[in-house]
Amino acid sequence: MIPARILGTAHLLPGRVVTTEELAEETRPGGDPTRLIAATGVRERRWAEPGTRAADVGAEVLRAALDNAGLPAEALERVIFVSASGGDWLIASTATAILAALGLDGKADGFDLCNA
């Protein structure tokens, strides 16, 4: 088994808030958003600005997690980019773009994991 530890975490809520009511009005004018909320439990979501790359968001969050852990980026050995909708590209992985943004090209490895 490969040893792994979580030493720091962070999060980012990019973009604007889009409520279920707003989304329902745009997609089903006059529809009842309370049914959607009851079925999904989702009251709001965040929509990043057009052109926002997952790698940029990932690098920003990873920097914050490293800061919270009191670690330099060079302490990383591997980055696993996990997403339900995929990354920025099919090849090369978004994880490698995050590594490059942190100045870790050739110093750590990474891969993407899409669970959709």
Protein backbone atom coordinates (compact mmCIF):
# COMPACT_ATOMS: atom_id res chain seq x y z
CA MET A 1 0.00 0.00 0.00
CA ILE A 2 1.23 3.49 -0.87
CA PRO A 3 1.29 5.70 2.23
CA ALA A 4 -0.82 8.85 1.90
CA ARG A 5 -1.65 11.63 4.32
CA ILE A 6 -3.88 14.68 4.21
CA LEU A 7 -2.00 17.51 5.87
CA GLY A 8 -3.90 20.52 4.57
CA THR A 9 -7.17 21.29 2.87
CA ALA A 10 -8.67 24.31 1.13
CA HIS A 11 -11.64 25.24 -1.01
CA LEU A 12 -12.67 27.85 -3.53
CA LEU A 13 -16.11 28.97 -4.63
CA PRO A 14 -15.47 30.50 -8.05
CA GLY A 15 -17.79 32.61 -10.12
CA ARG A 16 -21.31 33.74 -9.51
CA VAL A 17 -24.06 32.04 -7.55
CA VAL A 18 -26.83 30.59 -9.70
CA THR A 19 -29.91 29.59 -7.72
CA THR A 20 -32.19 26.73 -8.62
CA GLU A 21 -34.99 29.29 -8.97
CA GLU A 22 -32.93 31.23 -11.55
CA LEU A 23 -31.99 28.08 -13.44
CA ALA A 24 -35.58 26.82 -13.44
CA GLU A 25 -36.85 30.14 -14.79
CA GLU A 26 -34.28 30.08 -17.62
CA THR A 27 -34.93 26.46 -18.62
CA ARG A 28 -38.62 26.02 -17.74
CA PRO A 29 -40.36 29.38 -17.54
CA GLY A 30 -43.22 29.18 -15.07
CA GLY A 31 -41.93 25.86 -13.71
CA ASP A 32 -41.85 25.07 -10.01
CA PRO A 33 -38.28 25.16 -8.66
CA THR A 34 -39.35 23.64 -5.33
CA ARG A 35 -39.76 20.27 -7.07
CA LEU A 36 -36.19 20.48 -8.38
CA ILE A 37 -34.86 21.43 -4.95
CA ALA A 38 -36.80 18.59 -3.32
CA ALA A 39 -35.54 16.07 -5.91
CA THR A 40 -31.87 17.17 -5.92
CA GLY A 41 -31.29 19.04 -2.66
CA VAL A 42 -29.43 21.67 -4.69
CA ARG A 43 -30.44 25.25 -3.88
CA GLU A 44 -27.53 26.97 -5.59
CA ARG A 45 -24.38 26.26 -7.55
CA ARG A 46 -21.36 28.26 -8.70
CA TRP A 47 -20.66 29.04 -12.33
CA ALA A 48 -17.11 30.04 -13.08
CA GLU A 49 -16.51 32.82 -15.58
CA PRO A 50 -16.09 31.74 -19.22
CA GLY A 51 -12.48 30.84 -19.93
CA THR A 52 -11.77 29.70 -16.37
CA ARG A 53 -9.61 26.59 -16.53
CA ALA A 54 -9.88 23.76 -14.02
CA ALA A 55 -6.07 23.73 -13.81
CA ASP A 56 -6.02 27.38 -12.67
CA VAL A 57 -8.65 26.73 -10.00
CA GLY A 58 -6.85 23.54 -8.95
CA ALA A 59 -3.49 25.29 -8.64
CA GLU A 60 -5.03 28.09 -6.56
CA VAL A 61 -6.73 25.66 -4.18
CA LEU A 62 -3.63 23.48 -3.93
CA ARG A 63 -1.48 26.51 -3.06
CA ALA A 64 -3.95 27.37 -0.28
CA ALA A 65 -3.94 23.79 1.03
CA LEU A 66 -0.14 23.78 1.08
CA ASP A 67 -0.15 27.11 2.94
CA ASN A 68 -2.64 25.70 5.47
CA ALA A 69 -0.35 22.71 5.98
CA GLY A 70 2.75 24.89 6.23
CA LEU A 71 4.38 23.00 3.36
CA PRO A 72 6.23 24.12 0.23
CA ALA A 73 5.03 22.84 -3.15
CA GLU A 74 8.26 20.82 -3.38
CA ALA A 75 6.91 18.55 -0.61
CA LEU A 76 4.41 17.06 -3.05
CA GLU A 77 5.14 13.73 -4.71
CA ARG A 78 1.87 13.30 -6.60
CA VAL A 79 -1.20 15.31 -7.58
CA ILE A 80 -4.48 13.56 -8.32
CA PHE A 81 -7.03 15.80 -10.02
CA VAL A 82 -10.52 14.41 -9.29
CA SER A 83 -13.57 15.68 -11.14
CA ALA A 84 -17.09 14.58 -12.02
CA SER A 85 -16.97 16.39 -15.36
CA GLY A 86 -13.41 15.95 -16.58
CA GLY A 87 -10.50 18.34 -16.73
CA ASP A 88 -9.35 20.91 -19.22
CA TRP A 89 -8.03 18.40 -21.76
CA LEU A 90 -8.13 14.70 -22.47
CA ILE A 91 -4.34 14.60 -22.95
CA ALA A 92 -2.19 15.73 -21.11
CA SER A 93 -3.83 15.53 -17.73
CA THR A 94 -5.06 18.58 -15.86
CA ALA A 95 -2.96 17.38 -12.92
CA THR A 96 0.20 17.94 -14.94
CA ALA A 97 -0.90 21.52 -15.71
CA ILE A 98 -1.40 22.07 -11.97
CA LEU A 99 2.09 20.72 -11.32
CA ALA A 100 3.50 23.08 -13.94
CA ALA A 101 1.68 26.05 -12.36
CA LEU A 102 3.35 25.18 -9.06
CA GLY A 103 6.78 24.91 -10.69
CA LEU A 104 6.95 21.15 -10.19
CA ASP A 105 7.47 19.96 -13.77
CA GLY A 106 9.53 16.76 -13.54
CA LYS A 107 9.62 16.89 -9.71
CA ALA A 108 6.31 15.17 -8.98
CA ASP A 109 3.79 13.14 -10.94
CA GLY A 110 0.08 13.47 -11.38
CA PHE A 111 -2.98 12.08 -13.09
CA ASP A 112 -6.67 12.81 -13.54
CA LEU A 113 -9.54 10.73 -12.18
CA CYS A 114 -12.99 11.36 -13.60
CA ASN A 115 -15.79 9.65 -11.69
CA ALA A 116 -18.66 10.50 -14.03
